[in-house]
Amino acid sequence: MAEPAVGDIVKSITEDVKVLIQGEVELAKRELSESAKRGGIGAGMFGAAGYFVINALTLLYVAAALGLWALTGIHVALCFLIVAGVLLLIAAILALIGYTSVRKIKPPEATIAEANKAIEDVKSATERGLAAVNTPLPERTAIKAGPDFR
């Protein structure tokens, strides 16, 4: 009984891995499509809620300006400018806080180093495997996976 060649075994493994990956991708697509639909509906609802919040805040700002006018008797246009100035000041403070927070973000250095190490390990293992396959049969040495059991 003839043993299959190493090339045939590698080809078979490659084909099996391709089929396995294609099956996993297809399963993920089916599972995620329903979640994506629900996520889209939820995002649309959040968008609509945001629209109504913006409208409500606009009315509150108008009410604040008119309330300031009623309390102080200052010209109504000046009251609207005061409210707008306060809102711009709040926006500037929040933008400054956000900018300083974003500047402090650092890349995941340990993760990047670990990924680069894993890539190098896979490359070297592939090179060793190819070298072992390309070595003539009499020159190959036995691979020992553990203690020598006799």
C-alpha atoms as a PDB file:
ATOM      1  CA  MET A   1       0.000   0.000   0.000  1.00  0.00           C
ATOM      2  CA  ALA A   2       1.581   3.290  -1.151  1.00  0.00           C
ATOM      3  CA  GLU A   3       1.559   6.252   1.196  1.00  0.00           C
ATOM      4  CA  PRO A   4       0.324   9.557  -0.206  1.00  0.00           C
ATOM      5  CA  ALA A   5       2.964  12.107  -1.100  1.00  0.00           C
ATOM      6  CA  VAL A   6       3.570  15.041   1.205  1.00  0.00           C
ATOM      7  CA  GLY A   7       2.417  17.442  -1.509  1.00  0.00           C
ATOM      8  CA  ASP A   8      -0.891  15.582  -1.785  1.00  0.00           C
ATOM      9  CA  ILE A   9      -1.372  15.737   1.976  1.00  0.00           C
ATOM     10  CA  VAL A  10      -0.632  19.468   2.060  1.00  0.00           C
ATOM     11  CA  LYS A  11      -3.012  20.035  -0.871  1.00  0.00           C
ATOM     12  CA  SER A  12      -5.737  18.049   0.894  1.00  0.00           C
ATOM     13  CA  ILE A  13      -5.237  19.984   4.125  1.00  0.00           C
ATOM     14  CA  THR A  14      -5.356  23.283   2.222  1.00  0.00           C
ATOM     15  CA  GLU A  15      -8.618  22.320   0.526  1.00  0.00           C
ATOM     16  CA  ASP A  16     -10.131  21.189   3.835  1.00  0.00           C
ATOM     17  CA  VAL A  17      -9.162  24.469   5.503  1.00  0.00           C
ATOM     18  CA  LYS A  18     -10.713  26.450   2.631  1.00  0.00           C
ATOM     19  CA  VAL A  19     -13.985  24.517   2.928  1.00  0.00           C
ATOM     20  CA  LEU A  20     -13.993  24.973   6.703  1.00  0.00           C
ATOM     21  CA  ILE A  21     -13.376  28.706   6.467  1.00  0.00           C
ATOM     22  CA  GLN A  22     -16.039  29.162   3.780  1.00  0.00           C
ATOM     23  CA  GLY A  23     -18.550  27.333   5.959  1.00  0.00           C
ATOM     24  CA  GLU A  24     -17.702  29.466   8.981  1.00  0.00           C
ATOM     25  CA  VAL A  25     -17.998  32.677   6.959  1.00  0.00           C
ATOM     26  CA  GLU A  26     -21.394  31.616   5.599  1.00  0.00           C
ATOM     27  CA  LEU A  27     -22.619  30.783   9.109  1.00  0.00           C
ATOM     28  CA  ALA A  28     -21.416  34.152  10.408  1.00  0.00           C
ATOM     29  CA  LYS A  29     -23.200  35.956   7.567  1.00  0.00           C
ATOM     30  CA  ARG A  30     -26.489  34.247   8.378  1.00  0.00           C
ATOM     31  CA  GLU A  31     -26.190  34.928  12.091  1.00  0.00           C
ATOM     32  CA  LEU A  32     -25.162  38.544  11.690  1.00  0.00           C
ATOM     33  CA  SER A  33     -27.767  39.541   9.101  1.00  0.00           C
ATOM     34  CA  GLU A  34     -30.620  39.380  11.632  1.00  0.00           C
ATOM     35  CA  SER A  35     -28.541  41.240  14.212  1.00  0.00           C
ATOM     36  CA  ALA A  36     -27.643  43.880  11.630  1.00  0.00           C
ATOM     37  CA  LYS A  37     -31.327  44.435  10.829  1.00  0.00           C
ATOM     38  CA  ARG A  38     -32.175  44.888  14.496  1.00  0.00           C
ATOM     39  CA  GLY A  39     -29.157  47.117  15.003  1.00  0.00           C
ATOM     40  CA  GLY A  40     -30.215  49.280  12.043  1.00  0.00           C
ATOM     41  CA  ILE A  41     -33.711  49.686  13.431  1.00  0.00           C
ATOM     42  CA  GLY A  42     -32.318  50.545  16.860  1.00  0.00           C
ATOM     43  CA  ALA A  43     -29.915  53.094  15.378  1.00  0.00           C
ATOM     44  CA  GLY A  44     -32.783  54.678  13.450  1.00  0.00           C
ATOM     45  CA  MET A  45     -34.790  54.990  16.666  1.00  0.00           C
ATOM     46  CA  PHE A  46     -31.841  56.626  18.424  1.00  0.00           C
ATOM     47  CA  GLY A  47     -31.525  59.036  15.493  1.00  0.00           C
ATOM     48  CA  ALA A  48     -35.200  59.967  15.721  1.00  0.00           C
ATOM     49  CA  ALA A  49     -34.900  60.448  19.483  1.00  0.00           C
ATOM     50  CA  GLY A  50     -31.884  62.689  18.929  1.00  0.00           C
ATOM     51  CA  TYR A  51     -33.860  64.783  16.441  1.00  0.00           C
ATOM     52  CA  PHE A  52     -36.630  65.368  18.985  1.00  0.00           C
ATOM     53  CA  VAL A  53     -34.098  66.150  21.737  1.00  0.00           C
ATOM     54  CA  ILE A  54     -32.479  68.799  19.526  1.00  0.00           C
ATOM     55  CA  ASN A  55     -35.869  70.368  18.834  1.00  0.00           C
ATOM     56  CA  ALA A  56     -36.740  70.348  22.541  1.00  0.00           C
ATOM     57  CA  LEU A  57     -33.407  71.936  23.447  1.00  0.00           C
ATOM     58  CA  THR A  58     -33.958  74.635  20.832  1.00  0.00           C
ATOM     59  CA  LEU A  59     -37.296  75.458  22.438  1.00  0.00           C
ATOM     60  CA  LEU A  60     -35.670  75.509  25.881  1.00  0.00           C
ATOM     61  CA  TYR A  61     -33.014  77.944  24.648  1.00  0.00           C
ATOM     62  CA  VAL A  62     -35.717  80.197  23.214  1.00  0.00           C
ATOM     63  CA  ALA A  63     -37.576  79.964  26.513  1.00  0.00           C
ATOM     64  CA  ALA A  64     -34.389  80.849  28.411  1.00  0.00           C
ATOM     65  CA  ALA A  65     -33.824  83.933  26.258  1.00  0.00           C
ATOM     66  CA  LEU A  66     -37.447  85.048  26.633  1.00  0.00           C
ATOM     67  CA  GLY A  67     -37.309  84.367  30.380  1.00  0.00           C
ATOM     68  CA  LEU A  68     -34.168  86.465  30.667  1.00  0.00           C
ATOM     69  CA  TRP A  69     -35.940  89.252  28.774  1.00  0.00           C
ATOM     70  CA  ALA A  70     -38.973  89.021  31.080  1.00  0.00           C
ATOM     71  CA  LEU A  71     -36.803  89.086  34.240  1.00  0.00           C
ATOM     72  CA  THR A  72     -34.359  91.809  33.286  1.00  0.00           C
ATOM     73  CA  GLY A  73     -36.148  93.918  30.725  1.00  0.00           C
ATOM     74  CA  ILE A  74     -33.020  93.893  28.512  1.00  0.00           C
ATOM     75  CA  HIS A  75     -33.755  94.040  24.784  1.00  0.00           C
ATOM     76  CA  VAL A  76     -34.930  90.639  23.569  1.00  0.00           C
ATOM     77  CA  ALA A  77     -32.217  90.401  20.889  1.00  0.00           C
ATOM     78  CA  LEU A  78     -29.521  90.933  23.522  1.00  0.00           C
ATOM     79  CA  CYS A  79     -31.076  88.158  25.643  1.00  0.00           C
ATOM     80  CA  PHE A  80     -30.817  85.762  22.709  1.00  0.00           C
ATOM     81  CA  LEU A  81     -27.156  86.769  22.232  1.00  0.00           C
ATOM     82  CA  ILE A  82     -26.442  86.147  25.916  1.00  0.00           C
ATOM     83  CA  VAL A  83     -27.968  82.659  25.763  1.00  0.00           C
ATOM     84  CA  ALA A  84     -26.038  81.924  22.547  1.00  0.00           C
ATOM     85  CA  GLY A  85     -22.789  83.112  24.153  1.00  0.00           C
ATOM     86  CA  VAL A  86     -23.313  80.883  27.193  1.00  0.00           C
ATOM     87  CA  LEU A  87     -23.969  77.897  24.900  1.00  0.00           C
ATOM     88  CA  LEU A  88     -20.826  78.638  22.862  1.00  0.00           C
ATOM     89  CA  LEU A  89     -18.788  78.902  26.071  1.00  0.00           C
ATOM     90  CA  ILE A  90     -20.077  75.508  27.229  1.00  0.00           C
ATOM     91  CA  ALA A  91     -19.292  74.029  23.791  1.00  0.00           C
ATOM     92  CA  ALA A  92     -15.731  75.434  23.906  1.00  0.00           C
ATOM     93  CA  ILE A  93     -15.098  73.979  27.367  1.00  0.00           C
ATOM     94  CA  LEU A  94     -16.406  70.567  26.316  1.00  0.00           C
ATOM     95  CA  ALA A  95     -14.332  70.658  23.101  1.00  0.00           C
ATOM     96  CA  LEU A  96     -11.186  71.492  25.085  1.00  0.00           C
ATOM     97  CA  ILE A  97     -11.799  68.642  27.521  1.00  0.00           C
ATOM     98  CA  GLY A  98     -12.452  66.273  24.611  1.00  0.00           C
ATOM     99  CA  TYR A  99      -9.304  67.407  22.783  1.00  0.00           C
ATOM    100  CA  THR A 100      -7.081  66.801  25.813  1.00  0.00           C
ATOM    101  CA  SER A 101      -8.651  63.363  26.334  1.00  0.00           C
ATOM    102  CA  VAL A 102      -8.087  62.360  22.705  1.00  0.00           C
ATOM    103  CA  ARG A 103      -4.450  63.488  22.812  1.00  0.00           C
ATOM    104  CA  LYS A 104      -3.800  61.078  25.688  1.00  0.00           C
ATOM    105  CA  ILE A 105      -4.815  58.015  23.617  1.00  0.00           C
ATOM    106  CA  LYS A 106      -1.890  55.685  22.946  1.00  0.00           C
ATOM    107  CA  PRO A 107      -1.697  52.729  20.584  1.00  0.00           C
ATOM    108  CA  PRO A 108      -1.948  49.213  22.070  1.00  0.00           C
ATOM    109  CA  GLU A 109       1.820  48.663  22.035  1.00  0.00           C
ATOM    110  CA  ALA A 110       1.788  45.278  23.798  1.00  0.00           C
ATOM    111  CA  THR A 111      -0.862  43.924  21.436  1.00  0.00           C
ATOM    112  CA  ILE A 112       1.031  45.148  18.371  1.00  0.00           C
ATOM    113  CA  ALA A 113       4.276  43.592  19.640  1.00  0.00           C
ATOM    114  CA  GLU A 114       2.502  40.305  20.385  1.00  0.00           C
ATOM    115  CA  ALA A 115       0.898  40.242  16.925  1.00  0.00           C
ATOM    116  CA  ASN A 116       4.252  40.919  15.248  1.00  0.00           C
ATOM    117  CA  LYS A 117       5.831  38.119  17.297  1.00  0.00           C
ATOM    118  CA  ALA A 118       3.046  35.732  16.297  1.00  0.00           C
ATOM    119  CA  ILE A 119       3.540  36.627  12.621  1.00  0.00           C
ATOM    120  CA  GLU A 120       7.271  35.976  12.899  1.00  0.00           C
ATOM    121  CA  ASP A 121       6.616  32.654  14.681  1.00  0.00           C
ATOM    122  CA  VAL A 122       4.251  31.532  11.928  1.00  0.00           C
ATOM    123  CA  LYS A 123       6.739  32.582   9.231  1.00  0.00           C
ATOM    124  CA  SER A 124       9.613  30.698  10.859  1.00  0.00           C
ATOM    125  CA  ALA A 125       7.457  27.613  11.443  1.00  0.00           C
ATOM    126  CA  THR A 126       6.378  27.693   7.798  1.00  0.00           C
ATOM    127  CA  GLU A 127       9.976  28.014   6.645  1.00  0.00           C
ATOM    128  CA  ARG A 128      11.060  25.111   8.878  1.00  0.00           C
ATOM    129  CA  GLY A 129       8.180  22.995   7.598  1.00  0.00           C
ATOM    130  CA  LEU A 130       8.999  23.752   3.965  1.00  0.00           C
ATOM    131  CA  ALA A 131      12.668  23.013   4.578  1.00  0.00           C
ATOM    132  CA  ALA A 132      11.757  19.673   6.166  1.00  0.00           C
ATOM    133  CA  VAL A 133       9.472  18.769   3.259  1.00  0.00           C
ATOM    134  CA  ASN A 134      12.119  19.700   0.693  1.00  0.00           C
ATOM    135  CA  THR A 135      14.864  17.691   2.450  1.00  0.00           C
ATOM    136  CA  PRO A 136      15.520  14.298   0.777  1.00  0.00           C
ATOM    137  CA  LEU A 137      14.033  11.379   2.724  1.00  0.00           C
ATOM    138  CA  PRO A 138      17.273   9.681   3.894  1.00  0.00           C
ATOM    139  CA  GLU A 139      18.554  12.936   5.385  1.00  0.00           C
ATOM    140  CA  ARG A 140      15.451  13.626   7.463  1.00  0.00           C
ATOM    141  CA  THR A 141      15.742  13.114  11.182  1.00  0.00           C
ATOM    142  CA  ALA A 142      13.016  11.730  13.375  1.00  0.00           C
ATOM    143  CA  ILE A 143      10.892  14.314  15.131  1.00  0.00           C
ATOM    144  CA  LYS A 144      10.433  13.610  18.793  1.00  0.00           C
ATOM    145  CA  ALA A 145       7.381  15.116  20.440  1.00  0.00           C
ATOM    146  CA  GLY A 146       8.052  13.955  23.956  1.00  0.00           C
ATOM    147  CA  PRO A 147       9.950  11.468  26.094  1.00  0.00           C
ATOM    148  CA  ASP A 148      11.272   8.386  24.344  1.00  0.00           C
ATOM    149  CA  PHE A 149       8.938   5.518  25.260  1.00  0.00           C
ATOM    150  CA  ARG A 150      10.462   2.031  24.729  1.00  0.00           C
END
